[in-house]
Amino acid sequence: MGLLTRRPDVSQDEFRRHWREVHGPLVARLPSLQSYHQNHVVDDRQLAIDHARGSWSIDGISELWFDSDDDMKTALSSDEYKEVARDHQLLVGPTALITAVQNVVVPVDLSAEPLVKLISILTRKPGLTPEQFKEEWWGFHAEAVSKFPNLMGYAQNLVTGRSAGIGQPASYEAIPIDGVVELWFRSVTDIEAAFHSRAANVSQMHALSFISEITTFLVETHQVVSAGMSRKSNA
């Protein structure tokens, strides 16, 4: 996953157009890539989430799926990736890259499209180990959030690695992210209703015990490559 901030000399409209129409097709050519989604940030309000917000300010979040770490490393050392990297510099400034393992708690109900998607960046409380964070998040908290009314999908992405660029490992202090949440609803109204529900009261009280910051973004998702999609169509 990449947390992307556009270059100061690139307008928001140009960033979105270039990312989708130029950069996306380049990334789609990477070998062993199973899926690739672009999440364009359209709103950075916390909406109804009652929690301290972090300082993240980004324009997009990319998601690339591989079957293994070896497949990912092969893709990032390929000739195709060299083109991606060159184009990346024309569009994006500071970038935080994370590797994560995904836990799908509630599969997305695609029959209900169009849906709106909420992505949240989580930072664990000081003094808590990554193992303790995972236990709380993938345990009681996952079950509590799964009971939200109007919830159409819920995935947890547990961070396992961080870098400021390919081949540039970053410390936790530089990229203090422990998890990335993906939630799908039918509308913003449903999001606000869900976070004012009894189930949200339970989950947010629990969140206070292990999460220091929650930084939320409403995104518009473009599925450039989806599982099972013909690679030829994205060339």
Protein backbone atom coordinates (compact mmCIF):
# COMPACT_ATOMS: atom_id res chain seq x y z
CA MET A 1 0.00 0.00 0.00
CA GLY A 2 1.26 3.47 -0.85
CA LEU A 3 0.23 6.68 0.92
CA LEU A 4 0.65 9.26 -1.82
CA THR A 5 0.98 13.05 -1.65
CA ARG A 6 1.00 14.89 -4.97
CA ARG A 7 3.83 17.22 -5.90
CA PRO A 8 3.15 20.90 -5.03
CA ASP A 9 3.26 21.81 -8.72
CA VAL A 10 0.62 19.23 -9.64
CA SER A 11 -3.03 20.23 -9.23
CA GLN A 12 -5.51 17.87 -7.63
CA ASP A 13 -7.36 17.38 -10.92
CA GLU A 14 -4.11 16.66 -12.78
CA PHE A 15 -3.00 14.25 -10.07
CA ARG A 16 -6.22 12.25 -10.33
CA ARG A 17 -6.20 12.22 -14.15
CA HIS A 18 -2.53 11.23 -14.45
CA TRP A 19 -2.72 8.62 -11.70
CA ARG A 20 -5.72 6.95 -13.28
CA GLU A 21 -5.03 7.33 -17.01
CA VAL A 22 -1.21 7.20 -17.20
CA HIS A 23 0.25 5.72 -14.03
CA GLY A 24 -2.42 3.07 -13.50
CA PRO A 25 -1.83 1.26 -16.82
CA LEU A 26 1.93 1.23 -16.13
CA VAL A 27 1.45 -0.41 -12.72
CA ALA A 28 -1.00 -2.90 -14.23
CA ARG A 29 1.85 -4.37 -16.31
CA LEU A 30 3.89 -5.49 -13.27
CA PRO A 31 4.57 -9.23 -13.27
CA SER A 32 2.76 -11.38 -10.68
CA LEU A 33 0.39 -8.52 -9.77
CA GLN A 34 -2.94 -10.05 -8.71
CA SER A 35 -4.97 -6.91 -8.01
CA TYR A 36 -4.41 -3.16 -8.07
CA HIS A 37 -6.78 -0.51 -6.71
CA GLN A 38 -6.40 3.26 -6.57
CA ASN A 39 -8.18 5.09 -3.72
CA HIS A 40 -8.54 8.78 -4.58
CA VAL A 41 -9.14 10.91 -1.46
CA VAL A 42 -12.30 13.01 -1.83
CA ASP A 43 -12.89 14.01 1.81
CA ASP A 44 -10.60 14.08 4.86
CA ARG A 45 -13.17 14.74 7.57
CA GLN A 46 -13.40 12.41 10.54
CA LEU A 47 -17.15 12.27 9.90
CA ALA A 48 -18.69 10.69 13.02
CA ILE A 49 -15.53 9.00 14.33
CA ASP A 50 -14.86 10.23 17.85
CA HIS A 51 -11.10 9.70 18.21
CA ALA A 52 -7.87 11.71 18.08
CA ARG A 53 -6.79 12.31 14.46
CA GLY A 54 -3.22 11.93 13.22
CA SER A 55 -1.35 14.40 11.03
CA TRP A 56 -1.51 12.44 7.77
CA SER A 57 -2.39 14.60 4.75
CA ILE A 58 -2.52 12.58 1.53
CA ASP A 59 -4.14 12.59 -1.90
CA GLY A 60 -4.40 8.88 -2.55
CA ILE A 61 -3.81 5.36 -1.29
CA SER A 62 -2.70 2.62 -3.66
CA GLU A 63 -3.25 -1.09 -3.03
CA LEU A 64 -1.28 -3.81 -4.82
CA TRP A 65 -1.88 -7.48 -4.07
CA PHE A 66 0.71 -10.25 -4.56
CA ASP A 67 0.56 -13.93 -3.65
CA SER A 68 3.87 -13.77 -1.76
CA ASP A 69 6.73 -11.53 -0.67
CA ASP A 70 8.89 -13.13 -3.36
CA ASP A 71 6.36 -12.21 -6.07
CA MET A 72 6.28 -8.64 -4.78
CA LYS A 73 10.09 -8.38 -4.78
CA THR A 74 10.22 -9.77 -8.32
CA ALA A 75 7.72 -7.18 -9.52
CA LEU A 76 9.59 -4.31 -7.88
CA SER A 77 12.88 -5.36 -9.46
CA SER A 78 11.40 -5.78 -12.96
CA ASP A 79 11.94 -3.63 -16.05
CA GLU A 80 8.24 -2.77 -15.93
CA TYR A 81 8.69 -1.24 -12.49
CA LYS A 82 11.45 1.05 -13.77
CA GLU A 83 8.82 2.78 -15.92
CA VAL A 84 6.49 3.00 -12.92
CA ALA A 85 9.23 4.60 -10.81
CA ARG A 86 10.08 7.18 -13.48
CA ASP A 87 6.44 8.18 -13.86
CA HIS A 88 5.96 8.24 -10.08
CA GLN A 89 8.49 11.07 -9.78
CA LEU A 90 6.47 13.22 -12.23
CA LEU A 91 3.36 12.95 -10.08
CA VAL A 92 4.08 12.23 -6.44
CA GLY A 93 6.12 13.89 -3.71
CA PRO A 94 6.58 12.32 -0.26
CA THR A 95 5.47 8.68 -0.21
CA ALA A 96 5.04 6.21 2.63
CA LEU A 97 5.00 2.56 1.57
CA ILE A 98 3.73 -0.23 3.79
CA THR A 99 3.50 -3.98 3.43
CA ALA A 100 0.49 -5.52 5.10
CA VAL A 101 -1.39 -8.77 5.67
CA GLN A 102 -5.12 -8.45 5.03
CA ASN A 103 -7.87 -9.84 7.25
CA VAL A 104 -11.28 -9.71 5.55
CA VAL A 105 -13.82 -9.56 8.38
CA VAL A 106 -16.93 -8.79 6.29
CA PRO A 107 -16.60 -9.52 2.53
CA VAL A 108 -17.70 -6.60 0.36
CA ASP A 109 -21.22 -7.02 -0.99
CA LEU A 110 -20.60 -6.04 -4.62
CA SER A 111 -24.27 -6.52 -5.49
CA ALA A 112 -25.01 -3.35 -3.52
CA GLU A 113 -22.82 -1.06 -5.67
CA PRO A 114 -22.30 1.82 -5.92
CA LEU A 115 -20.77 1.98 -2.45
CA VAL A 116 -18.77 4.61 -0.58
CA LYS A 117 -15.51 3.62 1.07
CA LEU A 118 -13.85 4.84 4.22
CA ILE A 119 -10.13 4.22 4.84
CA SER A 120 -8.58 4.87 8.25
CA ILE A 121 -4.92 4.86 9.31
CA LEU A 122 -4.33 3.50 12.82
CA THR A 123 -1.48 4.15 15.26
CA ARG A 124 -1.25 2.01 18.40
CA LYS A 125 -1.06 3.46 21.89
CA PRO A 126 2.46 4.05 23.32
CA GLY A 127 3.69 1.09 25.34
CA LEU A 128 1.68 -1.44 23.36
CA THR A 129 3.60 -4.05 21.35
CA PRO A 130 2.67 -4.90 17.74
CA GLU A 131 1.55 -8.33 18.96
CA GLN A 132 -0.76 -6.81 21.56
CA PHE A 133 -2.17 -4.42 18.96
CA LYS A 134 -2.93 -7.32 16.60
CA GLU A 135 -4.58 -9.34 19.37
CA GLU A 136 -6.93 -6.48 20.28
CA TRP A 137 -7.63 -5.40 16.69
CA TRP A 138 -8.16 -8.81 15.09
CA GLY A 139 -9.98 -10.11 18.15
CA PHE A 140 -12.69 -8.24 20.06
CA HIS A 141 -12.48 -5.09 17.93
CA ALA A 142 -13.07 -6.88 14.62
CA GLU A 143 -16.18 -8.55 16.01
CA ALA A 144 -17.49 -5.27 17.46
CA VAL A 145 -17.11 -3.35 14.19
CA SER A 146 -18.66 -6.19 12.20
CA LYS A 147 -21.94 -5.47 14.05
CA PHE A 148 -22.23 -1.91 12.68
CA PRO A 149 -25.60 -1.26 11.03
CA ASN A 150 -25.55 -0.78 7.23
CA LEU A 151 -21.99 -2.15 6.98
CA MET A 152 -21.36 -3.54 3.48
CA GLY A 153 -17.73 -4.61 3.87
CA TYR A 154 -14.86 -4.54 6.37
CA ALA A 155 -11.16 -5.37 5.94
CA GLN A 156 -8.19 -4.93 8.29
CA ASN A 157 -4.65 -4.49 6.92
CA LEU A 158 -1.99 -5.27 9.54
CA VAL A 159 1.30 -3.54 8.77
CA THR A 160 4.34 -5.84 8.54
CA GLY A 161 6.88 -3.52 6.88
CA ARG A 162 7.56 0.16 6.13
CA SER A 163 9.65 2.09 3.63
CA ALA A 164 10.02 5.63 2.30
CA GLY A 165 10.67 4.22 -1.18
CA ILE A 166 11.74 1.01 -2.85
CA GLY A 167 14.87 -0.24 -1.10
CA GLN A 168 14.62 2.47 1.58
CA PRO A 169 13.47 0.81 4.84
CA ALA A 170 11.85 3.24 7.28
CA SER A 171 11.57 3.14 11.05
CA TYR A 172 8.31 3.00 12.96
CA GLU A 173 8.99 6.55 14.15
CA ALA A 174 9.15 7.73 10.53
CA ILE A 175 5.97 5.89 9.48
CA PRO A 176 3.95 5.27 12.68
CA ILE A 177 1.23 3.12 11.11
CA ASP A 178 0.07 -0.18 12.63
CA GLY A 179 -3.03 -0.83 10.58
CA VAL A 180 -5.22 0.42 7.75
CA VAL A 181 -8.99 -0.07 7.94
CA GLU A 182 -11.30 -0.35 4.93
CA LEU A 183 -15.05 0.06 5.47
CA TRP A 184 -17.78 0.10 2.83
CA PHE A 185 -21.26 1.64 3.16
CA ARG A 186 -24.07 2.64 0.80
CA SER A 187 -23.80 6.36 1.62
CA VAL A 188 -22.17 8.98 3.84
CA THR A 189 -25.46 9.11 5.76
CA ASP A 190 -25.10 5.40 6.54
CA ILE A 191 -21.51 6.00 7.71
CA GLU A 192 -22.61 8.69 10.13
CA ALA A 193 -25.53 6.57 11.37
CA ALA A 194 -23.23 3.58 11.90
CA PHE A 195 -20.77 5.58 13.99
CA HIS A 196 -23.60 6.91 16.14
CA SER A 197 -24.93 3.41 16.80
CA ARG A 198 -24.73 1.27 19.93
CA ALA A 199 -22.24 -1.01 18.18
CA ALA A 200 -19.98 1.98 17.51
CA ASN A 201 -20.13 2.99 21.16
CA VAL A 202 -18.76 -0.44 22.06
CA SER A 203 -16.04 -0.43 19.40
CA GLN A 204 -14.92 3.15 20.06
CA MET A 205 -14.67 2.59 23.80
CA HIS A 206 -12.51 -0.44 23.08
CA ALA A 207 -10.43 1.55 20.56
CA LEU A 208 -9.42 3.95 23.33
CA SER A 209 -7.59 1.08 25.04
CA PHE A 210 -5.23 0.26 22.17
CA ILE A 211 -5.39 2.94 19.44
CA SER A 212 -3.72 6.33 19.85
CA GLU A 213 -4.80 7.95 16.55
CA ILE A 214 -7.32 7.26 13.79
CA THR A 215 -6.93 9.28 10.59
CA THR A 216 -9.88 8.84 8.25
CA PHE A 217 -10.38 9.50 4.54
CA LEU A 218 -13.39 9.08 2.29
CA VAL A 219 -12.13 7.70 -1.02
CA GLU A 220 -13.25 7.00 -4.56
CA THR A 221 -11.90 3.63 -5.63
CA HIS A 222 -10.80 2.65 -9.13
CA GLN A 223 -10.13 -1.06 -9.66
CA VAL A 224 -7.38 -1.02 -12.26
CA VAL A 225 -6.63 -4.74 -11.95
CA SER A 226 -8.99 -7.09 -10.13
CA ALA A 227 -8.48 -10.75 -9.28
CA GLY A 228 -9.31 -12.88 -12.31
CA MET A 229 -9.20 -9.93 -14.72
CA SER A 230 -7.39 -10.49 -18.00
CA ARG A 231 -3.93 -8.89 -17.84
CA LYS A 232 -4.09 -8.13 -21.56
CA SER A 233 -6.94 -5.71 -21.00
CA ASN A 234 -4.69 -3.56 -18.79
CA ALA A 235 -1.64 -3.45 -21.04
